[in-house]
Protein backbone atom coordinates (compact mmCIF):
# COMPACT_ATOMS: atom_id res chain seq x y z
CA MET A 1 -3.58 -17.42 -23.90
CA LEU A 2 -2.50 -15.30 -26.17
CA LYS A 3 -1.13 -12.41 -23.89
CA LYS A 4 1.19 -15.03 -22.52
CA LEU A 5 2.60 -15.96 -26.06
CA TYR A 6 2.57 -11.61 -26.77
CA LEU A 7 4.59 -11.38 -23.52
CA TRP A 8 6.71 -14.56 -24.22
CA VAL A 9 7.45 -13.10 -28.05
CA VAL A 10 8.31 -9.27 -27.19
CA CYS A 11 10.42 -10.11 -24.34
CA LEU A 12 12.35 -12.71 -26.25
CA LEU A 13 12.88 -9.45 -29.22
CA LEU A 14 13.64 -6.84 -26.72
CA ALA A 15 16.11 -9.95 -25.46
CA GLY A 16 17.73 -10.48 -28.37
CA ALA A 17 18.20 -6.45 -28.90
CA GLY A 18 20.24 -5.77 -25.76
CA VAL A 19 16.97 -3.77 -24.50
CA TYR A 20 15.75 -6.41 -21.83
CA GLY A 21 16.29 -5.17 -18.18
CA GLU A 22 17.81 -9.07 -17.13
CA ASN A 23 19.54 -9.73 -20.31
CA LEU A 24 21.31 -6.19 -20.03
CA SER A 25 22.18 -7.12 -16.20
CA ASN A 26 24.77 -9.73 -16.65
CA THR A 27 26.92 -7.41 -17.70
CA GLY A 28 27.14 -5.63 -14.78
CA GLN A 29 26.86 -2.30 -17.20
CA ILE A 30 23.98 -1.69 -18.34
CA GLN A 31 23.60 1.60 -21.19
CA TYR A 32 21.16 4.21 -20.37
CA LYS A 33 20.34 7.15 -22.46
CA GLU A 34 20.95 10.76 -21.33
CA GLU A 35 18.00 12.49 -20.62
CA ILE A 36 17.91 9.64 -17.01
CA ALA A 37 21.25 10.31 -16.20
CA PRO A 38 20.42 12.76 -13.66
CA TYR A 39 18.51 9.98 -12.13
CA VAL A 40 21.55 8.03 -11.64
CA ALA A 41 23.42 10.04 -11.25
CA PHE A 42 21.39 10.61 -7.91
CA LEU A 43 20.70 7.47 -7.40
CA LYS A 44 24.31 6.60 -7.01
CA ASN A 45 24.98 8.21 -4.47
CA GLN A 46 22.42 7.34 -1.78
CA ASN A 47 23.16 4.31 -0.13
CA GLN A 48 20.57 4.76 3.05
CA ASN A 49 18.22 1.36 3.08
CA PRO A 50 13.98 2.02 3.51
CA VAL A 51 14.27 1.33 7.53
CA ASP A 52 16.70 3.69 8.28
CA TYR A 53 15.15 6.31 6.00
CA VAL A 54 11.89 6.33 7.73
CA MET A 55 13.26 5.64 11.42
CA GLY A 56 15.48 8.78 10.48
CA LEU A 57 11.83 10.97 9.35
CA PHE A 58 10.59 9.73 13.27
CA ASP A 59 13.62 12.28 14.39
CA LYS A 60 12.45 14.72 12.99
CA TYR A 61 8.56 14.55 13.39
CA ASP A 62 5.69 13.05 14.86
CA MET A 63 3.58 10.99 12.12
CA VAL A 64 4.41 8.67 9.09
CA ILE A 65 2.31 8.10 7.11
CA LEU A 66 3.20 5.34 4.52
CA CYS A 67 1.60 5.12 1.39
CA GLU A 68 0.13 1.93 0.42
CA ARG A 69 0.30 0.56 -3.53
CA ASP A 70 -2.14 -1.44 -4.59
CA HIS A 71 -4.24 -3.24 -1.52
CA ARG A 72 -3.12 -6.48 -2.78
CA GLU A 73 0.57 -6.72 -2.89
CA ILE A 74 2.52 -8.41 -0.65
CA THR A 75 5.60 -7.55 -1.65
CA GLN A 76 5.19 -4.00 0.69
CA TYR A 77 4.13 -5.56 3.85
CA ASP A 78 7.63 -7.41 4.40
CA PHE A 79 8.93 -4.50 4.24
CA ILE A 80 6.04 -2.72 6.96
CA TYR A 81 6.88 -5.44 8.98
CA ASP A 82 10.85 -4.80 8.65
CA LEU A 83 10.07 -1.56 9.80
CA VAL A 84 7.74 -1.59 12.61
CA SER A 85 9.73 -4.67 13.92
CA ASP A 86 12.98 -2.60 13.55
CA LYS A 87 14.36 -1.98 17.45
CA ARG A 88 14.63 1.23 16.98
CA PHE A 89 10.02 1.80 16.30
CA ILE A 90 9.79 -1.19 18.66
CA GLU A 91 11.24 1.36 21.66
CA LYS A 92 10.62 4.93 19.84
CA VAL A 93 7.19 4.57 18.21
CA GLY A 94 5.22 1.84 18.90
CA ASN A 95 1.53 2.99 17.50
CA MET A 96 0.49 2.37 14.64
CA PHE A 97 -3.01 3.14 12.44
CA THR A 98 -4.00 1.58 9.11
CA GLU A 99 -6.49 2.63 7.11
CA LEU A 100 -7.31 -1.33 6.48
CA GLY A 101 -10.32 -2.15 8.82
CA THR A 102 -12.75 -0.35 10.59
CA SER A 103 -12.87 0.95 13.63
CA THR A 104 -15.35 -0.89 15.33
CA MET A 105 -13.19 -3.84 15.43
CA ASN A 106 -10.41 -2.02 17.71
CA ASP A 107 -11.11 -3.23 21.03
CA TYR A 108 -11.49 -6.70 19.53
CA LEU A 109 -7.82 -5.55 17.57
CA HIS A 110 -6.41 -4.70 20.65
CA ASP A 111 -7.21 -8.00 23.17
CA PHE A 112 -6.37 -10.22 20.72
CA MET A 113 -2.98 -8.02 19.65
CA PHE A 114 -2.10 -8.28 23.70
CA ALA A 115 -2.90 -11.94 24.58
CA SER A 116 -0.67 -13.87 25.80
CA GLY A 117 -0.27 -17.83 24.96
CA LEU A 118 -2.33 -17.82 21.99
CA SER A 119 -1.73 -21.12 19.90
CA ASP A 120 -1.21 -20.96 16.62
CA ASN A 121 -5.01 -22.64 15.42
CA GLU A 122 -6.55 -19.89 18.25
CA VAL A 123 -4.20 -17.17 15.88
CA GLU A 124 -6.15 -17.96 13.39
CA ASN A 125 -9.64 -17.83 14.42
CA LYS A 126 -9.51 -15.03 15.80
CA VAL A 127 -7.33 -13.49 12.50
CA LEU A 128 -10.79 -15.27 10.77
CA HIS A 129 -13.13 -13.31 12.99
CA ILE A 130 -11.34 -10.28 12.10
CA TYR A 131 -11.22 -11.12 8.90
CA ARG A 132 -14.86 -11.49 8.86
CA ASN A 133 -16.21 -8.29 10.24
CA PHE A 134 -13.37 -6.71 8.49
CA SER A 135 -15.21 -3.54 6.45
CA PHE A 136 -18.41 -2.54 5.07
CA SER A 137 -17.01 -4.32 2.38
CA PRO A 138 -18.64 -7.63 2.26
CA LEU A 139 -15.68 -9.50 1.78
CA TRP A 140 -12.24 -9.04 1.98
CA GLU A 141 -9.96 -11.58 0.68
CA LYS A 142 -6.42 -9.70 0.24
CA TYR A 143 -4.39 -11.99 2.17
CA ASN A 144 -1.55 -9.38 2.56
CA PHE A 145 -2.67 -7.82 5.40
CA TYR A 146 -4.16 -11.28 7.16
CA ASP A 147 0.08 -12.38 7.16
CA PHE A 148 0.90 -9.65 8.85
CA LEU A 149 -1.61 -9.21 11.47
CA LYS A 150 0.19 -12.97 12.43
CA ARG A 151 2.85 -11.35 12.45
CA LEU A 152 2.40 -8.67 14.37
CA TYR A 153 0.97 -10.70 16.70
CA THR A 154 3.90 -13.15 16.79
CA LEU A 155 6.03 -10.17 17.06
CA ASN A 156 4.13 -8.37 19.97
CA LYS A 157 4.01 -11.99 22.26
CA SER A 158 7.37 -11.86 22.25
CA LEU A 159 7.79 -8.77 23.57
CA ALA A 160 7.11 -7.07 27.50
CA VAL A 161 3.40 -5.01 27.50
CA ASN A 162 4.96 -1.31 27.54
CA LEU A 163 6.59 -2.21 23.88
CA LYS A 164 4.08 -4.44 22.26
CA ILE A 165 2.89 -1.97 19.23
CA ASN A 166 -0.41 -0.59 19.23
CA LEU A 167 -2.57 -1.43 15.93
CA TYR A 168 -5.52 1.26 15.68
CA PHE A 169 -7.81 0.45 12.87
CA SER A 170 -8.69 3.32 10.88
CA ASP A 171 -11.97 3.00 8.79
CA MET A 172 -15.51 4.73 9.06
CA PRO A 173 -17.54 2.81 12.18
CA PHE A 174 -19.72 -0.23 10.46
CA SER A 175 -20.66 -3.49 11.91
CA TRP A 176 -22.72 -6.11 10.26
CA GLN A 177 -24.68 -7.13 12.91
CA GLY A 178 -28.12 -6.41 12.16
CA MET A 179 -27.08 -5.41 8.60
CA THR A 180 -30.39 -4.40 6.07
CA GLN A 181 -30.33 -3.19 2.77
CA GLU A 182 -32.39 0.00 4.03
CA LYS A 183 -29.77 0.31 6.71
CA TYR A 184 -27.36 -0.27 3.81
CA GLN A 185 -27.35 2.12 1.75
CA GLN A 186 -27.78 4.66 4.71
CA PHE A 187 -24.49 4.10 5.32
CA ARG A 188 -23.46 4.16 1.95
CA ALA A 189 -24.73 7.63 1.35
CA GLY A 190 -22.03 8.46 4.13
CA LEU A 191 -19.31 7.43 2.54
CA GLY A 192 -18.37 10.87 1.46
CA LYS A 193 -17.39 11.85 5.15
CA ARG A 194 -14.69 8.98 4.63
CA ASP A 195 -11.36 10.16 4.17
CA TRP A 196 -12.63 13.31 7.56
CA VAL A 197 -14.00 10.55 9.63
CA MET A 198 -10.58 8.68 8.70
CA ALA A 199 -8.28 11.83 10.12
CA ASP A 200 -10.41 12.85 12.81
CA GLN A 201 -10.51 9.25 13.99
CA ILE A 202 -6.64 9.12 13.93
CA ILE A 203 -6.31 12.34 15.31
CA LYS A 204 -8.62 12.17 18.20
CA ILE A 205 -6.54 8.97 19.60
CA PHE A 206 -3.24 10.37 18.84
CA ALA A 207 -3.80 12.96 20.87
CA ASP A 208 -4.76 10.76 23.67
CA ILE A 209 -1.81 9.24 23.06
CA ALA A 210 0.18 12.66 23.72
CA LYS A 211 -1.74 12.60 26.98
CA SER A 212 -1.00 9.98 28.13
CA THR A 213 2.09 7.96 30.40
CA GLN A 214 3.95 6.02 27.59
CA PRO A 215 6.44 6.92 26.20
CA ARG A 216 6.60 6.20 22.65
CA LYS A 217 4.44 9.32 21.39
CA LYS A 218 4.70 8.75 17.94
CA ALA A 219 3.05 6.63 14.93
CA LEU A 220 2.96 5.07 11.83
CA VAL A 221 -0.01 5.84 9.42
CA ILE A 222 -0.41 3.01 6.56
CA MET A 223 -3.34 5.00 3.96
CA ASN A 224 -3.52 3.80 -0.02
CA TYR A 225 -3.03 6.06 -2.71
CA ARG A 226 -4.40 9.65 -2.18
CA HIS A 227 -5.39 9.17 0.75
CA ALA A 228 -2.08 9.64 1.87
CA PHE A 229 -1.57 12.74 -0.47
CA ASN A 230 -0.76 15.80 1.72
CA ASP A 231 -2.35 19.89 2.14
CA PHE A 232 -2.01 20.49 -0.95
CA LYS A 233 -4.13 22.28 -3.43
CA TYR A 234 -5.16 21.75 -6.95
CA ALA A 235 -4.67 24.40 -10.10
CA ASP A 236 -8.28 26.12 -9.08
CA GLY A 237 -6.97 26.63 -5.82
CA THR A 238 -9.42 23.70 -3.61
CA LYS A 239 -7.82 21.44 -1.42
CA ALA A 240 -8.06 17.67 -1.67
CA ASP A 241 -10.76 15.47 0.71
CA ASN A 242 -8.30 13.33 1.41
CA THR A 243 -7.35 11.53 5.04
CA GLY A 244 -3.56 13.00 4.63
CA ARG A 245 -4.96 16.82 4.09
CA TYR A 246 -6.67 16.81 7.17
CA ILE A 247 -3.40 15.02 9.46
CA PHE A 248 -1.74 18.12 8.33
CA GLU A 249 -3.63 20.59 8.37
CA ALA A 250 -4.16 19.52 12.02
CA LEU A 251 -0.46 18.74 13.41
CA PRO A 252 1.85 21.54 11.36
CA GLY A 253 5.19 20.72 10.99
CA LYS A 254 4.98 16.87 12.23
CA VAL A 255 3.95 14.87 9.63
CA ALA A 256 5.81 13.46 6.77
CA ASN A 257 4.30 11.36 3.98
CA VAL A 258 6.57 9.05 1.64
CA MET A 259 5.45 7.76 -1.68
CA LEU A 260 6.59 3.58 -1.31
CA ASN A 261 7.05 2.42 -5.52
CA SER A 262 4.26 2.04 -7.58
CA VAL A 263 2.80 2.17 -11.33
CA ALA A 264 1.21 5.49 -12.27
CA SER A 265 -2.55 5.85 -13.75
CA LEU A 266 -3.01 7.44 -16.70
CA TYR A 267 -5.26 10.05 -17.57
CA ASN A 268 -7.99 7.45 -19.70
CA SER A 269 -8.45 5.74 -16.36
CA THR A 270 -12.00 5.03 -14.95
CA ASP A 271 -13.39 4.00 -11.58
CA LYS A 272 -13.82 0.88 -13.41
CA THR A 273 -10.77 0.80 -15.78
CA ASP A 274 -7.12 1.97 -14.28
CA VAL A 275 -5.01 1.75 -17.10
CA ARG A 276 -1.53 1.74 -15.40
CA ALA A 277 2.00 3.40 -16.51
CA PRO A 278 5.39 3.70 -15.22
CA ILE A 279 6.02 6.77 -12.69
CA SER A 280 8.08 9.67 -15.05
CA ASN A 281 6.72 7.45 -18.58
CA GLY A 282 9.26 5.05 -16.83
CA LYS A 283 12.37 6.92 -16.07
CA TRP A 284 12.29 6.45 -12.54
CA ASP A 285 12.35 2.54 -12.31
CA ALA A 286 14.51 2.26 -15.46
CA ALA A 287 17.79 4.53 -13.28
CA PHE A 288 16.66 2.02 -10.47
CA GLU A 289 16.77 -0.51 -13.23
CA VAL A 290 20.22 0.52 -14.25
CA VAL A 291 21.95 0.79 -10.44
CA GLY A 292 20.81 -2.49 -9.28
CA ASN A 293 17.68 -1.95 -7.80
CA PRO A 294 18.71 -1.01 -4.42
CA SER A 295 16.24 -0.75 -1.65
CA LEU A 296 16.58 3.22 -1.34
CA GLY A 297 14.59 5.77 1.11
CA PHE A 298 15.12 9.56 0.45
CA ASP A 299 13.98 12.56 0.67
CA PHE A 300 12.07 14.45 -2.51
CA LYS A 301 12.68 17.82 -1.88
CA GLY A 302 15.99 18.97 -3.79
CA ASN A 303 16.39 16.34 -6.21
CA THR A 304 15.19 15.40 -10.03
CA PHE A 305 12.84 12.26 -9.17
CA GLY A 306 11.09 14.88 -6.22
CA ALA A 307 11.22 17.93 -9.03
CA ASP A 308 8.99 15.50 -11.32
CA TYR A 309 5.68 16.22 -12.04
CA PHE A 310 3.01 14.71 -10.24
CA ASP A 311 1.76 12.06 -12.67
CA ARG A 312 0.08 9.57 -10.07
CA PHE A 313 -3.55 11.28 -10.01
CA PRO A 314 -4.43 11.97 -13.26
CA TYR A 315 -8.32 13.06 -12.07
CA GLU A 316 -7.95 16.43 -11.55
CA LYS A 317 -6.15 19.32 -13.39
CA HIS A 318 -3.16 20.55 -11.59
CA ASN A 319 1.40 22.01 -11.31
CA LEU A 320 2.23 19.42 -8.91
CA THR A 321 4.90 17.52 -8.69
CA TYR A 322 6.21 15.78 -6.47
CA GLN A 323 7.84 17.07 -3.57
CA GLU A 324 4.96 19.20 -3.25
CA VAL A 325 2.57 16.28 -2.82
CA PHE A 326 5.15 13.52 -0.76
CA THR A 327 8.10 14.02 1.86
CA GLY A 328 9.45 11.16 0.19
CA PHE A 329 9.43 8.10 -1.49
CA ILE A 330 11.14 4.32 -0.98
CA PHE A 331 11.91 1.91 -3.12
CA TYR A 332 11.46 -1.62 -2.67
CA LYS A 333 11.96 -4.14 -5.58
CA PRO A 334 11.48 -3.37 -9.67
CA LEU A 335 7.92 -3.27 -10.34
CA LYS A 336 8.46 -6.75 -12.10
CA GLU A 337 9.36 -8.38 -8.26
CA HIS A 338 5.67 -6.76 -7.24
CA LYS A 339 3.52 -10.30 -6.41
CA ILE A 340 -0.68 -9.78 -5.89
CA LEU A 341 -1.99 -12.64 -3.36
CA CYS A 342 -5.31 -12.94 -2.93
CA GLY A 343 -7.69 -16.10 -1.18
CA ILE A 344 -8.10 -16.10 2.85
CA PRO A 345 -8.76 -19.71 3.74
CA ASN A 346 -11.34 -20.79 5.70
CA LEU A 347 -12.58 -17.56 5.45
CA PHE A 348 -15.60 -19.17 4.62
CA ALA A 349 -15.47 -22.05 6.98
CA ALA A 350 -18.77 -22.51 9.60
CA GLY A 351 -21.06 -20.89 8.43
CA TYR A 352 -20.04 -18.18 6.74
CA ASP A 353 -20.38 -18.51 3.20
CA LYS A 354 -24.17 -18.74 3.95
CA ILE A 355 -23.14 -15.38 6.36
CA ILE A 356 -21.35 -13.78 3.10
CA LEU A 357 -23.36 -15.16 0.72
CA ASP A 358 -25.94 -12.63 2.67
CA ARG A 359 -23.72 -9.78 2.91
CA MET A 360 -23.16 -9.38 -0.95
CA ALA A 361 -26.89 -9.29 -1.41
CA ILE A 362 -27.70 -6.56 1.38
CA ALA A 363 -24.55 -4.90 0.08
CA GLY A 364 -26.30 -4.65 -3.71
CA TYR A 365 -23.57 -7.59 -5.12
CA PRO A 366 -25.60 -11.03 -5.43
CA VAL A 367 -23.83 -14.20 -6.21
CA ALA A 368 -25.53 -15.52 -8.75
CA PRO A 369 -26.83 -19.61 -7.28
CA GLU A 370 -25.50 -20.92 -10.21
CA LYS A 371 -22.31 -19.20 -9.24
CA VAL A 372 -21.68 -20.24 -5.59
CA ASN A 373 -18.76 -22.44 -5.65
CA GLU A 374 -17.01 -20.60 -8.03
CA PHE A 375 -16.92 -16.90 -6.09
CA ILE A 376 -16.10 -19.45 -2.78
CA LYS A 377 -13.54 -21.45 -4.32
CA ARG A 378 -12.20 -18.28 -5.59
CA ASN A 379 -11.86 -16.39 -3.22
CA GLY A 380 -11.15 -18.59 -0.35
CA THR A 381 -7.35 -20.27 -1.77
CA LEU A 382 -4.61 -18.65 -2.20
CA VAL A 383 -3.87 -17.44 -5.39
CA GLU A 384 -0.20 -15.64 -6.25
CA ASP A 385 -0.53 -13.31 -9.11
CA THR A 386 2.67 -11.50 -10.91
CA PHE A 387 3.04 -8.65 -12.46
CA GLU A 388 2.68 -9.75 -15.50
CA LYS A 389 -0.04 -11.30 -15.28
CA GLU A 390 -2.07 -8.65 -13.34
CA TYR A 391 -1.56 -5.51 -15.20
CA GLU A 392 -3.33 -6.16 -18.96
CA ASN A 393 -0.79 -3.72 -20.61
CA SER A 394 2.06 -4.72 -18.01
CA ILE A 395 3.67 -5.17 -22.11
CA ASP A 396 3.25 -1.52 -22.00
CA ILE A 397 4.95 -0.40 -18.98
CA ILE A 398 7.74 -3.06 -19.56
CA LEU A 399 8.73 -1.22 -22.73
CA LYS A 400 7.91 2.29 -21.67
CA ILE A 401 11.00 1.47 -19.01
CA ASN A 402 13.38 0.23 -21.69
CA GLN A 403 12.57 2.71 -24.53
CA TRP A 404 15.60 4.18 -21.43
CA LEU A 405 18.37 1.57 -22.37
CA LEU A 406 20.05 0.93 -24.78
CA PRO A 407 22.30 -2.29 -26.10
CA ALA A 408 25.19 -3.24 -23.71
CA LYS A 409 28.44 -2.06 -25.05
CA LYS A 410 30.70 -5.09 -26.48
């Protein structure tokens, strides 16, 4: 409650000072500091929408890796669906790999995606089955991919067999069948090889696609955060243990990677507490605000965005710029329009309340008896959070963006 009140007061103060972005936009002429002028000038000359940009990359590369935002953010999957449902993607690419989902589910996934005539209820039950066996995590409550699977099935249902999208899960092989605490700990001990295993599975399936008679021999890969980074070197000369690195090394000259607009993590972040900040201290988001937050895609090489210090990964020392880690960038919706959507209705139905609770205990995260009802309600109820609600320091993020904007001239 105090945070909401604080946010309301700060926004009022900013609006009164003529600094809050939405109020400035009403004039049609947002004034800005000289420091972001090069970014604004560059953006004013860009006009390629994100789908066209990625399809342009497929003209030059066989594989495009897209760096996903926060696993829970849903608007990014609106863009991803727009991309994979585009006629050019369907006809020329047709293959898609995701970090999300254990590869053990791929046979079931394929049968589902190529099934014909399923009712809405049957689709629901099959997607629930996938989500109940989705990961080595005992619970996956992120709604975006659940919804995406339904939309992708509907798309495939409308397509000829030779044009259906081939979707492959790429995470570690895993099954909850017969799982015990001892077996689970043994599995966890092998997670240090996770990035290599994910890359190896993608590379092998992609090689089979290349040798097949099917005409579509390109692929989109969705990886989250560092898993999408390329084969750069840190300051000490070592290469990161990232899925993207292994793919770039295996397919030299054939892979591009693209970052979706998101937030950075500050140096005082830890594995338990992630302190967020806008990219490049807010300059990027401020520049996009000035030009009206258009959806755009562009290469990093040779412009002021790409030349900026790579501040998205603060955990290792480096002197990298964005153009050294990513091929390009996509801006799709400003931060204030990003949405977190969690909770899977009916996930705990059909006896899965006990099954999932048992899995939580096996994984070492038992739910206390007095917390069971709350746990089930929280993860089985669809709840949407806005950017302001989700990030504890959202006010600081807004202020860092707006520090580059000036009151409109009267």
